[in-house]
Amino acid sequence: MSSQTPQTDVRPHAQTTTPEVTATGAAASLPLRLAGAALSLGVGWIHVTDQGGFPGSKTPTYVGIGYYVLELVAVLVAAALLFAPGRQRVTGWFVAVGVALGPLVGYVLSRGPGLPAYTDDRGNWSEPLGLISLGVEGLLLLLSLAVLRSARRSA
């Protein structure tokens, strides 16, 4: 008599979800969040530098207030991307689009037709800090849109 033991299936079960993949998809990815936070803080730092430090001065008053709002929101976006729960991170990425787009539009308007009572930068398309700012804002915009698109697909 031979004794045989029944064979069991020892193949690992396929995991249907991966850790930290939720309806927000890539919005939960730590490397992307770190990159987004760094770019957002970069936008804020560039604008603090451009106004001559903090509190700095930028005239006319509405431009100075715009700088302060941008700098504050850039810091809040970085904090949201790093520390907020998953669903709220998506909101952080949406606001990051604004942190990127606002200064991009301001750059074009201030150098092109000029802004009301602000013509100092008109035609000054090659300012080094402005070009660096365009690069950082462009990267933040592309990253934010890519993450939001991925989050939408996974939802």
C-alpha atoms as a PDB file:
ATOM      1  CA  MET A   1       0.000   0.000   0.000  1.00  0.00           C
ATOM      2  CA  SER A   2       1.248   3.373  -0.831  1.00  0.00           C
ATOM      3  CA  SER A   3       0.142   6.347   1.114  1.00  0.00           C
ATOM      4  CA  GLN A   4      -0.402   9.409  -0.925  1.00  0.00           C
ATOM      5  CA  THR A   5      -1.231  12.763   0.458  1.00  0.00           C
ATOM      6  CA  PRO A   6      -3.593  14.926  -1.455  1.00  0.00           C
ATOM      7  CA  GLN A   7      -1.833  17.679  -3.310  1.00  0.00           C
ATOM      8  CA  THR A   8      -2.873  21.198  -2.562  1.00  0.00           C
ATOM      9  CA  ASP A   9      -2.530  24.171  -4.762  1.00  0.00           C
ATOM     10  CA  VAL A  10       0.405  26.135  -3.385  1.00  0.00           C
ATOM     11  CA  ARG A  11       0.374  28.919  -5.929  1.00  0.00           C
ATOM     12  CA  PRO A  12       0.119  32.325  -4.330  1.00  0.00           C
ATOM     13  CA  HIS A  13      -3.175  34.046  -4.743  1.00  0.00           C
ATOM     14  CA  ALA A  14      -3.114  37.023  -7.032  1.00  0.00           C
ATOM     15  CA  GLN A  15      -3.374  40.186  -5.064  1.00  0.00           C
ATOM     16  CA  THR A  16      -6.144  42.350  -6.457  1.00  0.00           C
ATOM     17  CA  THR A  17      -5.030  45.577  -4.888  1.00  0.00           C
ATOM     18  CA  THR A  18      -1.680  46.971  -3.980  1.00  0.00           C
ATOM     19  CA  PRO A  19      -0.999  48.838  -0.768  1.00  0.00           C
ATOM     20  CA  GLU A  20      -2.047  52.450  -0.845  1.00  0.00           C
ATOM     21  CA  VAL A  21      -3.770  52.232  -4.239  1.00  0.00           C
ATOM     22  CA  THR A  22      -7.121  53.838  -3.764  1.00  0.00           C
ATOM     23  CA  ALA A  23      -9.548  55.772  -5.877  1.00  0.00           C
ATOM     24  CA  THR A  24      -6.942  58.506  -5.901  1.00  0.00           C
ATOM     25  CA  GLY A  25      -4.430  56.226  -7.674  1.00  0.00           C
ATOM     26  CA  ALA A  26      -1.110  57.939  -8.152  1.00  0.00           C
ATOM     27  CA  ALA A  27      -2.153  60.806  -5.894  1.00  0.00           C
ATOM     28  CA  ALA A  28      -1.015  58.511  -3.082  1.00  0.00           C
ATOM     29  CA  SER A  29       2.448  57.805  -4.558  1.00  0.00           C
ATOM     30  CA  LEU A  30       5.121  59.145  -2.224  1.00  0.00           C
ATOM     31  CA  PRO A  31       7.736  60.000  -4.897  1.00  0.00           C
ATOM     32  CA  LEU A  32       5.184  62.007  -6.882  1.00  0.00           C
ATOM     33  CA  ARG A  33       3.964  63.749  -3.736  1.00  0.00           C
ATOM     34  CA  LEU A  34       7.538  64.653  -2.780  1.00  0.00           C
ATOM     35  CA  ALA A  35       8.218  66.017  -6.257  1.00  0.00           C
ATOM     36  CA  GLY A  36       4.986  68.022  -6.239  1.00  0.00           C
ATOM     37  CA  ALA A  37       5.693  69.430  -2.784  1.00  0.00           C
ATOM     38  CA  ALA A  38       9.255  70.396  -3.770  1.00  0.00           C
ATOM     39  CA  LEU A  39       8.063  72.102  -6.968  1.00  0.00           C
ATOM     40  CA  SER A  40       5.317  73.943  -5.093  1.00  0.00           C
ATOM     41  CA  LEU A  41       7.801  75.161  -2.478  1.00  0.00           C
ATOM     42  CA  GLY A  42      10.113  76.128  -5.343  1.00  0.00           C
ATOM     43  CA  VAL A  43       7.414  78.354  -6.839  1.00  0.00           C
ATOM     44  CA  GLY A  44       6.934  80.026  -3.460  1.00  0.00           C
ATOM     45  CA  TRP A  45      10.683  80.484  -2.906  1.00  0.00           C
ATOM     46  CA  ILE A  46      11.168  82.008  -6.360  1.00  0.00           C
ATOM     47  CA  HIS A  47       8.474  84.586  -5.666  1.00  0.00           C
ATOM     48  CA  VAL A  48       9.829  85.419  -2.206  1.00  0.00           C
ATOM     49  CA  THR A  49      13.224  85.960  -3.858  1.00  0.00           C
ATOM     50  CA  ASP A  50      11.702  88.085  -6.638  1.00  0.00           C
ATOM     51  CA  GLN A  51      10.050  90.435  -4.176  1.00  0.00           C
ATOM     52  CA  GLY A  52      13.295  90.924  -2.272  1.00  0.00           C
ATOM     53  CA  GLY A  53      12.716  88.541   0.643  1.00  0.00           C
ATOM     54  CA  PHE A  54       9.880  88.376   3.089  1.00  0.00           C
ATOM     55  CA  PRO A  55       7.927  90.545   3.630  1.00  0.00           C
ATOM     56  CA  GLY A  56       9.552  92.209   0.622  1.00  0.00           C
ATOM     57  CA  SER A  57       7.802  94.731  -1.521  1.00  0.00           C
ATOM     58  CA  LYS A  58       6.155  94.591  -4.883  1.00  0.00           C
ATOM     59  CA  THR A  59       4.203  97.461  -6.324  1.00  0.00           C
ATOM     60  CA  PRO A  60       1.436  98.057  -7.146  1.00  0.00           C
ATOM     61  CA  THR A  61      -0.248  96.713  -4.034  1.00  0.00           C
ATOM     62  CA  TYR A  62      -2.379  94.151  -5.856  1.00  0.00           C
ATOM     63  CA  VAL A  63       0.755  92.515  -7.306  1.00  0.00           C
ATOM     64  CA  GLY A  64       2.333  92.350  -3.836  1.00  0.00           C
ATOM     65  CA  ILE A  65      -0.819  90.793  -2.383  1.00  0.00           C
ATOM     66  CA  GLY A  66      -0.858  88.307  -5.255  1.00  0.00           C
ATOM     67  CA  TYR A  67       2.705  87.307  -4.379  1.00  0.00           C
ATOM     68  CA  TYR A  68       1.787  86.806  -0.709  1.00  0.00           C
ATOM     69  CA  VAL A  69      -1.258  84.698  -1.594  1.00  0.00           C
ATOM     70  CA  LEU A  70       0.768  82.591  -4.034  1.00  0.00           C
ATOM     71  CA  GLU A  71       3.533  82.005  -1.482  1.00  0.00           C
ATOM     72  CA  LEU A  72       1.060  80.977   1.234  1.00  0.00           C
ATOM     73  CA  VAL A  73      -0.912  78.677  -1.059  1.00  0.00           C
ATOM     74  CA  ALA A  74       2.317  77.099  -2.366  1.00  0.00           C
ATOM     75  CA  VAL A  75       3.284  76.144   1.203  1.00  0.00           C
ATOM     76  CA  LEU A  76      -0.224  74.833   1.935  1.00  0.00           C
ATOM     77  CA  VAL A  77      -0.182  72.732  -1.254  1.00  0.00           C
ATOM     78  CA  ALA A  78       3.159  71.214  -0.279  1.00  0.00           C
ATOM     79  CA  ALA A  79       1.780  70.341   3.171  1.00  0.00           C
ATOM     80  CA  ALA A  80      -1.408  68.875   1.676  1.00  0.00           C
ATOM     81  CA  LEU A  81       0.518  66.706  -0.770  1.00  0.00           C
ATOM     82  CA  LEU A  82       2.724  65.367   1.994  1.00  0.00           C
ATOM     83  CA  PHE A  83       0.379  65.032   4.949  1.00  0.00           C
ATOM     84  CA  ALA A  84      -3.277  65.051   3.873  1.00  0.00           C
ATOM     85  CA  PRO A  85      -5.323  61.844   3.677  1.00  0.00           C
ATOM     86  CA  GLY A  86      -5.759  60.294   0.213  1.00  0.00           C
ATOM     87  CA  ARG A  87      -8.932  61.996  -0.989  1.00  0.00           C
ATOM     88  CA  GLN A  88      -7.796  65.419   0.213  1.00  0.00           C
ATOM     89  CA  ARG A  89      -4.525  64.980  -1.684  1.00  0.00           C
ATOM     90  CA  VAL A  90      -6.506  65.102  -4.910  1.00  0.00           C
ATOM     91  CA  THR A  91      -7.691  68.558  -3.876  1.00  0.00           C
ATOM     92  CA  GLY A  92      -4.063  69.460  -3.206  1.00  0.00           C
ATOM     93  CA  TRP A  93      -3.164  68.461  -6.768  1.00  0.00           C
ATOM     94  CA  PHE A  94      -6.012  70.595  -8.138  1.00  0.00           C
ATOM     95  CA  VAL A  95      -4.752  73.598  -6.179  1.00  0.00           C
ATOM     96  CA  ALA A  96      -1.198  72.811  -7.371  1.00  0.00           C
ATOM     97  CA  VAL A  97      -2.468  73.395 -10.917  1.00  0.00           C
ATOM     98  CA  GLY A  98      -3.442  76.909  -9.787  1.00  0.00           C
ATOM     99  CA  VAL A  99      -0.062  77.462  -8.096  1.00  0.00           C
ATOM    100  CA  ALA A 100       1.547  76.654 -11.445  1.00  0.00           C
ATOM    101  CA  LEU A 101      -0.894  78.387 -13.797  1.00  0.00           C
ATOM    102  CA  GLY A 102      -1.327  81.650 -11.888  1.00  0.00           C
ATOM    103  CA  PRO A 103       2.291  82.776 -12.144  1.00  0.00           C
ATOM    104  CA  LEU A 104       2.580  81.487 -15.727  1.00  0.00           C
ATOM    105  CA  VAL A 105      -0.316  83.692 -16.771  1.00  0.00           C
ATOM    106  CA  GLY A 106       1.079  86.580 -14.694  1.00  0.00           C
ATOM    107  CA  TYR A 107       4.467  86.228 -16.412  1.00  0.00           C
ATOM    108  CA  VAL A 108       2.927  86.418 -19.883  1.00  0.00           C
ATOM    109  CA  LEU A 109       0.651  89.327 -18.999  1.00  0.00           C
ATOM    110  CA  SER A 110       3.310  91.346 -17.170  1.00  0.00           C
ATOM    111  CA  ARG A 111       5.839  90.955 -19.983  1.00  0.00           C
ATOM    112  CA  GLY A 112       3.382  91.219 -22.847  1.00  0.00           C
ATOM    113  CA  PRO A 113       0.665  93.850 -22.664  1.00  0.00           C
ATOM    114  CA  GLY A 114       1.520  94.787 -19.086  1.00  0.00           C
ATOM    115  CA  LEU A 115      -0.758  94.889 -16.081  1.00  0.00           C
ATOM    116  CA  PRO A 116      -2.630  97.949 -14.777  1.00  0.00           C
ATOM    117  CA  ALA A 117      -0.132 100.313 -13.111  1.00  0.00           C
ATOM    118  CA  TYR A 118       2.613  97.687 -13.570  1.00  0.00           C
ATOM    119  CA  THR A 119       4.805  98.006 -16.611  1.00  0.00           C
ATOM    120  CA  ASP A 120       8.235  97.393 -15.015  1.00  0.00           C
ATOM    121  CA  ASP A 121       8.668  93.970 -16.642  1.00  0.00           C
ATOM    122  CA  ARG A 122       7.092  94.756 -19.992  1.00  0.00           C
ATOM    123  CA  GLY A 123       9.223  93.166 -22.707  1.00  0.00           C
ATOM    124  CA  ASN A 124      11.608  91.594 -20.164  1.00  0.00           C
ATOM    125  CA  TRP A 125      11.170  88.005 -21.416  1.00  0.00           C
ATOM    126  CA  SER A 126      14.697  86.817 -20.601  1.00  0.00           C
ATOM    127  CA  GLU A 127      14.967  87.641 -16.899  1.00  0.00           C
ATOM    128  CA  PRO A 128      16.867  84.641 -15.403  1.00  0.00           C
ATOM    129  CA  LEU A 129      14.659  84.234 -12.322  1.00  0.00           C
ATOM    130  CA  GLY A 130      11.580  84.509 -14.513  1.00  0.00           C
ATOM    131  CA  LEU A 131      12.844  81.755 -16.803  1.00  0.00           C
ATOM    132  CA  ILE A 132      13.633  79.513 -13.834  1.00  0.00           C
ATOM    133  CA  SER A 133      10.152  80.240 -12.535  1.00  0.00           C
ATOM    134  CA  LEU A 134       8.620  79.224 -15.868  1.00  0.00           C
ATOM    135  CA  GLY A 135      10.495  75.933 -15.741  1.00  0.00           C
ATOM    136  CA  VAL A 136       9.465  75.095 -12.174  1.00  0.00           C
ATOM    137  CA  GLU A 137       5.851  76.128 -12.780  1.00  0.00           C
ATOM    138  CA  GLY A 138       5.730  74.180 -16.040  1.00  0.00           C
ATOM    139  CA  LEU A 139       7.010  71.031 -14.329  1.00  0.00           C
ATOM    140  CA  LEU A 140       4.516  71.441 -11.486  1.00  0.00           C
ATOM    141  CA  LEU A 141       1.689  71.917 -13.984  1.00  0.00           C
ATOM    142  CA  LEU A 142       2.638  68.825 -16.008  1.00  0.00           C
ATOM    143  CA  LEU A 143       3.093  66.686 -12.897  1.00  0.00           C
ATOM    144  CA  SER A 144      -0.197  67.839 -11.370  1.00  0.00           C
ATOM    145  CA  LEU A 145      -2.156  67.190 -14.557  1.00  0.00           C
ATOM    146  CA  ALA A 146      -0.573  63.744 -14.964  1.00  0.00           C
ATOM    147  CA  VAL A 147      -1.402  62.766 -11.377  1.00  0.00           C
ATOM    148  CA  LEU A 148      -4.971  64.052 -11.683  1.00  0.00           C
ATOM    149  CA  ARG A 149      -5.440  62.166 -14.944  1.00  0.00           C
ATOM    150  CA  SER A 150      -4.143  58.979 -13.350  1.00  0.00           C
ATOM    151  CA  ALA A 151      -6.366  59.469 -10.309  1.00  0.00           C
ATOM    152  CA  ARG A 152      -9.368  59.967 -12.558  1.00  0.00           C
ATOM    153  CA  ARG A 153      -8.647  56.754 -14.452  1.00  0.00           C
ATOM    154  CA  SER A 154      -8.289  54.713 -11.281  1.00  0.00           C
ATOM    155  CA  ALA A 155     -11.483  56.071  -9.746  1.00  0.00           C
END
